[in-house]
Amino acid sequence: MNLAVVEQIAKAVLYEGYMLYPYRPSSVKNQQRWNFGVLCPQSYSEAQKGSEAWTMQTECLLEGSSMTAIEIRVRFLQLVARTVRELNQPVTELRQAEMPESRLVEKLSLNGRVYLPWQEAVEREVVLPVYNVETLGYSPAPDSFSFPAEKQFEPLCDSSAQVVGLLVRERTPLHGSVEISSERVEDGCFKVNVRVRNTTPFDVTIESRRDDALLKSMASTHIVLGVQDGRFISMTAPPEELKETAAKCQNVGTWPVLVGEEGQRDTLLSSPIILYDYPQIAPESAGDLFDGTEIDEILSLRIMTLTDDEKREMSQSDERARAMLERTETMPVEQLMKLHGVLRGLRPVKEEIH
């Protein structure tokens, strides 16, 4: 598996839609985030009549033999609830294991900065053992994973160094499973099936909201597949003799594409965002803009036109948003000009013969 090549593309998929322009919590567009590759608990998915998925399936084809092996990595974001609390009485020191008496607040202003509630995220990766493809045909490989609950406190101090507030970051337990199987569809060709499920318990009530379920969900879920002693078949443009077989593959909530240098066939990225084979990050791009179907030049110019108050809210809401704002505001003119009017893939036009 060519991880060095796939990493940049997979990272972009992981954070696609993490925030949307104009990148402020108060913006209507950011009231419903996490729209790509979300796997909710099964109970919530069923309560929503399937409009929210709890499972994802990838099916792909590969050329191989009895020696061919496959490796699988499942990657996603786990949400972190960030709340703001104001202490009933200031303290000089905060012990991590203890929470002093406090109350939830919608915001807390300290030393020229405003602290707000928000949903952050941590990256998760599940690396499965390497499996022989032929063996998977008669012995599917189930695997389960889990991540424990965690709560962290960040003290907020006033100008006299007294702790007057807290940022509380909390993750709930998360459980899931991955099942891999294969089927020999013809001599030298296998169909591989990878199914990811969210098995986290969740008690659905009439008051359950999507935000509640999201804290027990997997967001931006995608699968990276690598093959040893074999080659993947393009699912976007399979060879003529395999078109019918490829058409029978069922991909649910995701689509596999070849990644790496043009012509390489040892790595697939199964993405919840529609991509083409061998996707690339534009070399002119200075970094993540997070917004779906982003156009770097337009978004960069729009960020520059935000008011000072809007920029302040953006920078104080999220560390990734702050870094993006700083990068955009300090972008040299030469870099911005590189984003304008780029043409790729030009081919000579053949003269028509009349």
Protein backbone atom coordinates (compact mmCIF):
# COMPACT_ATOMS: atom_id res chain seq x y z
CA MET A 1 0.00 0.00 0.00
CA ASN A 2 1.43 3.34 -1.07
CA LEU A 3 0.53 5.32 2.07
CA ALA A 4 2.72 8.29 1.20
CA VAL A 5 0.74 8.93 -1.98
CA VAL A 6 -2.71 8.20 -0.56
CA GLU A 7 -2.25 10.23 2.64
CA GLN A 8 -2.79 13.67 1.10
CA ILE A 9 -5.94 12.64 -0.74
CA ALA A 10 -7.34 10.72 2.25
CA LYS A 11 -6.70 13.73 4.50
CA ALA A 12 -8.68 15.96 2.17
CA VAL A 13 -11.57 13.46 2.24
CA LEU A 14 -11.37 13.28 6.03
CA TYR A 15 -11.91 17.01 6.48
CA GLU A 16 -14.20 17.73 3.52
CA GLY A 17 -17.14 19.64 4.96
CA TYR A 18 -15.49 20.02 8.40
CA MET A 19 -16.48 23.68 8.21
CA LEU A 20 -18.32 25.64 5.56
CA TYR A 21 -17.84 29.21 4.40
CA PRO A 22 -18.13 31.68 6.14
CA TYR A 23 -16.60 29.39 8.79
CA ARG A 24 -18.43 30.80 11.81
CA PRO A 25 -20.52 28.83 14.36
CA SER A 26 -23.29 31.43 14.06
CA SER A 27 -23.54 30.89 10.30
CA VAL A 28 -26.68 29.03 9.17
CA LYS A 29 -24.53 26.83 6.90
CA ASN A 30 -22.60 25.51 9.90
CA GLN A 31 -25.68 24.51 11.87
CA GLN A 32 -25.61 21.09 10.20
CA ARG A 33 -22.08 19.88 9.69
CA TRP A 34 -20.79 16.35 9.13
CA ASN A 35 -22.64 15.51 5.93
CA PHE A 36 -20.11 13.14 4.31
CA GLY A 37 -19.52 9.53 5.26
CA VAL A 38 -21.47 9.64 8.53
CA LEU A 39 -22.26 6.27 10.13
CA CYS A 40 -24.73 6.71 12.99
CA PRO A 41 -25.71 4.09 15.57
CA GLN A 42 -28.05 1.49 14.12
CA SER A 43 -30.94 2.43 16.42
CA TYR A 44 -30.85 6.06 15.30
CA SER A 45 -30.57 5.07 11.62
CA GLU A 46 -33.66 2.87 11.93
CA ALA A 47 -35.57 5.62 13.75
CA GLN A 48 -34.78 7.92 10.81
CA LYS A 49 -36.12 5.33 8.34
CA GLY A 50 -32.65 4.89 6.86
CA SER A 51 -32.10 8.55 5.95
CA GLU A 52 -29.04 8.35 8.19
CA ALA A 53 -26.74 5.41 7.43
CA TRP A 54 -25.20 3.10 10.01
CA THR A 55 -23.28 0.86 7.61
CA MET A 56 -21.04 1.36 4.57
CA GLN A 57 -20.05 -1.22 1.95
CA THR A 58 -17.27 -1.34 -0.59
CA GLU A 59 -17.02 -3.94 -3.34
CA CYS A 60 -14.14 -3.97 -5.79
CA LEU A 61 -12.31 -6.28 -8.18
CA LEU A 62 -8.68 -7.30 -8.23
CA GLU A 63 -6.44 -9.52 -10.28
CA GLY A 64 -4.58 -12.02 -8.16
CA SER A 65 -3.65 -15.57 -7.25
CA SER A 66 -3.47 -17.80 -4.20
CA MET A 67 -0.53 -15.66 -3.03
CA THR A 68 -2.41 -12.35 -3.17
CA ALA A 69 -2.94 -10.52 0.14
CA ILE A 70 -5.01 -7.48 1.02
CA GLU A 71 -4.65 -4.87 3.74
CA ILE A 72 -7.44 -2.62 4.97
CA ARG A 73 -7.50 0.66 6.90
CA VAL A 74 -10.71 2.36 8.01
CA ARG A 75 -10.39 6.04 8.82
CA PHE A 76 -12.91 8.50 10.23
CA LEU A 77 -13.42 11.43 12.58
CA GLN A 78 -14.87 10.99 16.05
CA LEU A 79 -16.70 14.06 17.30
CA VAL A 80 -15.76 15.86 20.48
CA ALA A 81 -18.34 17.98 22.31
CA ARG A 82 -16.73 21.20 23.51
CA THR A 83 -18.76 23.05 26.14
CA VAL A 84 -18.05 26.22 28.08
CA ARG A 85 -18.52 26.47 31.84
CA GLU A 86 -18.21 29.46 34.18
CA LEU A 87 -16.97 28.75 37.70
CA ASN A 88 -19.21 29.78 40.60
CA GLN A 89 -16.09 30.92 42.43
CA PRO A 90 -12.64 31.65 40.90
CA VAL A 91 -9.83 29.30 41.91
CA THR A 92 -6.06 29.66 41.74
CA GLU A 93 -5.41 26.12 40.51
CA LEU A 94 -7.41 23.49 38.67
CA ARG A 95 -6.88 19.82 39.35
CA GLN A 96 -7.57 17.72 36.26
CA ALA A 97 -9.39 15.01 38.20
CA GLU A 98 -11.79 17.46 39.83
CA MET A 99 -14.35 19.81 38.38
CA PRO A 100 -15.16 22.78 40.62
CA GLU A 101 -18.74 23.98 40.88
CA SER A 102 -19.68 25.66 37.63
CA ARG A 103 -22.52 26.25 35.21
CA LEU A 104 -22.91 25.86 31.45
CA VAL A 105 -22.85 29.13 29.51
CA GLU A 106 -23.43 30.00 25.85
CA LYS A 107 -20.23 32.05 25.76
CA LEU A 108 -17.53 33.40 28.03
CA SER A 109 -15.58 36.60 27.30
CA LEU A 110 -12.08 36.80 28.76
CA ASN A 111 -9.11 39.00 27.93
CA GLY A 112 -10.53 40.09 24.60
CA ARG A 113 -11.45 36.57 23.51
CA VAL A 114 -14.86 34.88 23.33
CA TYR A 115 -15.11 31.15 24.12
CA LEU A 116 -18.01 29.29 22.48
CA PRO A 117 -19.40 25.73 22.46
CA TRP A 118 -18.43 23.75 19.36
CA GLN A 119 -18.03 20.27 17.90
CA GLU A 120 -14.39 19.40 17.37
CA ALA A 121 -13.05 16.09 16.06
CA VAL A 122 -10.19 13.65 16.52
CA GLU A 123 -8.83 11.40 13.79
CA ARG A 124 -9.33 7.66 14.15
CA GLU A 125 -7.75 4.83 12.19
CA VAL A 126 -8.47 1.12 12.39
CA VAL A 127 -5.69 -1.00 10.86
CA LEU A 128 -6.67 -4.59 10.14
CA PRO A 129 -4.30 -7.56 9.77
CA VAL A 130 -3.14 -8.52 6.29
CA TYR A 131 -5.43 -11.23 4.87
CA ASN A 132 -4.97 -13.72 2.06
CA VAL A 133 -7.62 -12.97 -0.57
CA GLU A 134 -8.30 -16.58 -1.47
CA THR A 135 -8.71 -17.58 2.20
CA LEU A 136 -11.29 -14.81 2.64
CA GLY A 137 -13.45 -16.66 0.10
CA TYR A 138 -14.32 -19.45 2.53
CA SER A 139 -13.51 -17.75 5.83
CA PRO A 140 -14.71 -14.10 6.04
CA ALA A 141 -12.76 -12.01 8.54
CA PRO A 142 -14.87 -10.13 11.11
CA ASP A 143 -13.09 -7.57 13.25
CA SER A 144 -14.36 -5.18 15.90
CA PHE A 145 -12.94 -1.98 17.32
CA SER A 146 -13.75 0.47 20.09
CA PHE A 147 -12.56 3.78 21.48
CA PRO A 148 -13.14 4.67 25.15
CA ALA A 149 -14.85 7.71 26.62
CA GLU A 150 -12.66 10.62 27.63
CA LYS A 151 -13.17 14.00 29.27
CA GLN A 152 -10.63 16.82 29.42
CA PHE A 153 -10.71 20.20 31.14
CA GLU A 154 -8.93 23.31 29.89
CA PRO A 155 -8.73 26.15 32.45
CA LEU A 156 -9.68 29.66 31.35
CA CYS A 157 -7.99 32.41 33.34
CA ASP A 158 -8.75 36.08 33.81
CA SER A 159 -6.18 38.89 33.75
CA SER A 160 -5.13 38.11 37.35
CA ALA A 161 -4.38 34.44 36.47
CA GLN A 162 -7.43 33.22 38.39
CA VAL A 163 -9.28 30.28 36.84
CA VAL A 164 -12.78 31.56 36.15
CA GLY A 165 -13.98 29.18 33.48
CA LEU A 166 -13.47 25.85 31.76
CA LEU A 167 -13.49 24.41 28.28
CA VAL A 168 -14.74 20.84 28.66
CA ARG A 169 -14.00 18.41 25.82
CA GLU A 170 -15.86 15.13 26.02
CA ARG A 171 -15.90 12.01 23.84
CA THR A 172 -18.36 9.18 24.34
CA PRO A 173 -17.47 5.49 23.81
CA LEU A 174 -17.53 4.41 20.18
CA HIS A 175 -17.84 0.86 18.85
CA GLY A 176 -17.75 -0.53 15.34
CA SER A 177 -17.00 -3.56 13.22
CA VAL A 178 -15.37 -4.35 9.89
CA GLU A 179 -16.03 -7.52 7.90
CA ILE A 180 -13.99 -8.56 4.89
CA SER A 181 -14.86 -11.33 2.46
CA SER A 182 -13.92 -12.30 -1.08
CA GLU A 183 -15.25 -14.31 -4.00
CA ARG A 184 -13.44 -15.69 -7.02
CA VAL A 185 -15.53 -14.38 -9.92
CA GLU A 186 -13.39 -15.87 -12.66
CA ASP A 187 -9.92 -17.29 -13.11
CA GLY A 188 -7.41 -14.81 -11.71
CA CYS A 189 -10.07 -12.28 -10.61
CA PHE A 190 -11.56 -11.77 -7.15
CA LYS A 191 -14.36 -9.60 -5.81
CA VAL A 192 -13.56 -8.14 -2.39
CA ASN A 193 -16.29 -6.97 -0.01
CA VAL A 194 -15.59 -4.67 2.95
CA ARG A 195 -18.47 -3.69 5.24
CA VAL A 196 -18.12 -1.16 8.07
CA ARG A 197 -20.78 -0.89 10.76
CA ASN A 198 -21.35 1.43 13.70
CA THR A 199 -22.35 -0.83 16.60
CA THR A 200 -22.40 1.85 19.31
CA PRO A 201 -25.44 1.54 21.63
CA PHE A 202 -27.78 4.53 21.51
CA ASP A 203 -31.12 4.91 23.27
CA VAL A 204 -33.48 6.68 20.90
CA THR A 205 -36.20 8.82 22.47
CA ILE A 206 -38.69 11.29 21.05
CA GLU A 207 -36.28 14.05 22.09
CA SER A 208 -33.21 12.54 20.39
CA ARG A 209 -31.54 15.01 18.03
CA ARG A 210 -29.04 14.46 15.24
CA ASP A 211 -26.37 16.21 17.32
CA ASP A 212 -26.88 13.64 20.06
CA ALA A 213 -26.44 10.77 17.61
CA LEU A 214 -23.41 12.42 16.00
CA LEU A 215 -21.47 12.17 19.24
CA LYS A 216 -21.77 8.39 18.87
CA SER A 217 -21.12 8.40 15.12
CA MET A 218 -18.26 8.01 12.70
CA ALA A 219 -17.87 11.00 10.37
CA SER A 220 -16.07 11.27 7.02
CA THR A 221 -15.64 7.50 7.04
CA HIS A 222 -13.52 6.08 4.24
CA ILE A 223 -11.58 2.90 3.52
CA VAL A 224 -8.05 2.52 2.17
CA LEU A 225 -7.31 -0.84 0.51
CA GLY A 226 -3.89 -2.12 -0.50
CA VAL A 227 -2.99 -5.28 -2.41
CA GLN A 228 0.19 -7.35 -2.36
CA ASP A 229 1.04 -9.61 -5.32
CA GLY A 230 -2.01 -8.44 -7.21
CA ARG A 231 -3.61 -5.46 -8.97
CA PHE A 232 -6.89 -3.64 -8.45
CA ILE A 233 -9.29 -3.17 -11.36
CA SER A 234 -10.60 0.33 -12.03
CA MET A 235 -14.27 0.41 -11.00
CA THR A 236 -14.75 3.66 -12.91
CA ALA A 237 -13.34 2.35 -16.20
CA PRO A 238 -13.04 -1.45 -16.02
CA PRO A 239 -11.70 -3.35 -19.05
CA GLU A 240 -14.33 -4.50 -21.52
CA GLU A 241 -14.22 -8.13 -20.42
CA LEU A 242 -14.95 -7.17 -16.78
CA LYS A 243 -17.55 -4.44 -17.28
CA GLU A 244 -20.49 -6.71 -16.53
CA THR A 245 -18.80 -8.14 -13.43
CA ALA A 246 -17.89 -4.66 -12.18
CA ALA A 247 -21.46 -3.45 -12.71
CA LYS A 248 -22.69 -6.14 -10.30
CA CYS A 249 -20.51 -4.82 -7.47
CA GLN A 250 -22.54 -3.00 -4.85
CA ASN A 251 -21.01 0.06 -3.24
CA VAL A 252 -23.16 1.64 -0.55
CA GLY A 253 -22.32 5.14 0.68
CA THR A 254 -18.89 5.06 -0.90
CA TRP A 255 -17.04 4.58 -4.19
CA PRO A 256 -13.56 3.05 -4.75
CA VAL A 257 -11.00 4.80 -6.96
CA LEU A 258 -7.40 4.05 -7.80
CA VAL A 259 -4.88 6.32 -6.10
CA GLY A 260 -1.19 6.94 -6.64
CA GLU A 261 0.75 7.71 -9.76
CA GLU A 262 -1.10 7.20 -13.03
CA GLY A 263 -1.01 3.52 -13.90
CA GLN A 264 -0.36 2.22 -10.37
CA ARG A 265 -2.94 -0.32 -9.22
CA ASP A 266 -1.87 -1.36 -5.74
CA THR A 267 -4.02 1.07 -3.72
CA LEU A 268 -7.72 2.00 -3.65
CA LEU A 269 -9.43 4.77 -1.75
CA SER A 270 -13.12 4.11 -1.13
CA SER A 271 -14.53 7.56 -0.51
CA PRO A 272 -17.94 8.97 0.48
CA ILE A 273 -17.18 11.85 -1.88
CA ILE A 274 -17.34 11.17 -5.62
CA LEU A 275 -13.82 11.09 -7.02
CA TYR A 276 -12.20 9.88 -10.21
CA ASP A 277 -9.25 7.49 -10.56
CA TYR A 278 -5.93 9.01 -9.52
CA PRO A 279 -7.31 12.16 -7.85
CA GLN A 280 -4.77 14.85 -7.06
CA ILE A 281 -4.56 17.89 -4.85
CA ALA A 282 -3.98 20.94 -7.04
CA PRO A 283 -0.32 21.96 -6.59
CA GLU A 284 -1.42 25.60 -6.36
CA SER A 285 -3.59 24.90 -3.29
CA ALA A 286 -2.05 26.35 -0.13
CA GLY A 287 -3.99 24.10 2.24
CA ASP A 288 -7.40 22.85 3.40
CA LEU A 289 -10.45 25.06 2.92
CA PHE A 290 -12.81 22.31 4.15
CA ASP A 291 -15.80 23.52 2.11
CA GLY A 292 -17.44 21.01 -0.27
CA THR A 293 -16.63 21.59 -3.99
CA GLU A 294 -14.22 24.30 -2.94
CA ILE A 295 -12.61 26.66 -5.44
CA ASP A 296 -9.46 27.92 -3.76
CA GLU A 297 -9.32 31.35 -5.36
CA ILE A 298 -12.95 32.27 -4.71
CA LEU A 299 -12.93 31.06 -1.09
CA SER A 300 -9.61 32.73 -0.37
CA LEU A 301 -10.92 36.05 -1.69
CA ARG A 302 -14.15 35.68 0.31
CA ILE A 303 -12.24 34.98 3.52
CA MET A 304 -10.25 38.17 2.94
CA THR A 305 -13.49 40.19 2.69
CA LEU A 306 -14.90 39.03 6.05
CA THR A 307 -15.36 41.78 8.62
CA ASP A 308 -13.07 42.00 11.65
CA ASP A 309 -15.86 40.68 13.88
CA GLU A 310 -16.47 37.73 11.53
CA LYS A 311 -12.78 36.92 11.42
CA ARG A 312 -12.61 37.11 15.20
CA GLU A 313 -15.46 34.63 15.58
CA MET A 314 -13.91 32.36 12.97
CA SER A 315 -10.50 32.34 14.66
CA GLN A 316 -11.96 31.74 18.12
CA SER A 317 -14.24 28.88 17.13
CA ASP A 318 -11.76 26.26 15.95
CA GLU A 319 -7.98 25.82 15.71
CA ARG A 320 -8.17 24.59 12.13
CA ALA A 321 -10.27 27.59 11.15
CA ARG A 322 -7.80 29.92 12.89
CA ALA A 323 -4.86 28.38 11.03
CA MET A 324 -6.73 28.67 7.71
CA LEU A 325 -7.50 32.34 8.38
CA GLU A 326 -3.88 33.12 9.25
CA ARG A 327 -2.65 31.28 6.16
CA THR A 328 -5.07 33.13 3.89
CA GLU A 329 -4.37 36.59 5.33
CA THR A 330 -0.62 36.13 4.97
CA MET A 331 -0.77 34.57 1.50
CA PRO A 332 1.67 36.33 -0.84
CA VAL A 333 0.18 37.95 -3.92
CA GLU A 334 2.23 35.58 -6.07
CA GLN A 335 0.58 32.58 -4.42
CA LEU A 336 -2.91 34.04 -4.89
CA MET A 337 -2.21 34.69 -8.55
CA LYS A 338 -1.25 31.05 -9.05
CA LEU A 339 -4.83 30.11 -8.15
CA HIS A 340 -6.23 32.14 -11.05
CA GLY A 341 -6.90 30.76 -14.49
CA VAL A 342 -5.14 27.40 -14.21
CA LEU A 343 -5.73 25.05 -17.15
CA ARG A 344 -4.96 21.33 -17.11
CA GLY A 345 -5.30 18.35 -19.39
CA LEU A 346 -5.22 20.25 -22.69
CA ARG A 347 -5.03 18.04 -25.75
CA PRO A 348 -4.55 18.99 -29.40
CA VAL A 349 -7.76 19.14 -31.39
CA LYS A 350 -7.70 16.84 -34.38
CA GLU A 351 -8.68 18.47 -37.63
CA GLU A 352 -11.97 17.14 -38.92
CA ILE A 353 -11.87 15.39 -42.24
CA HIS A 354 -14.73 16.33 -44.55
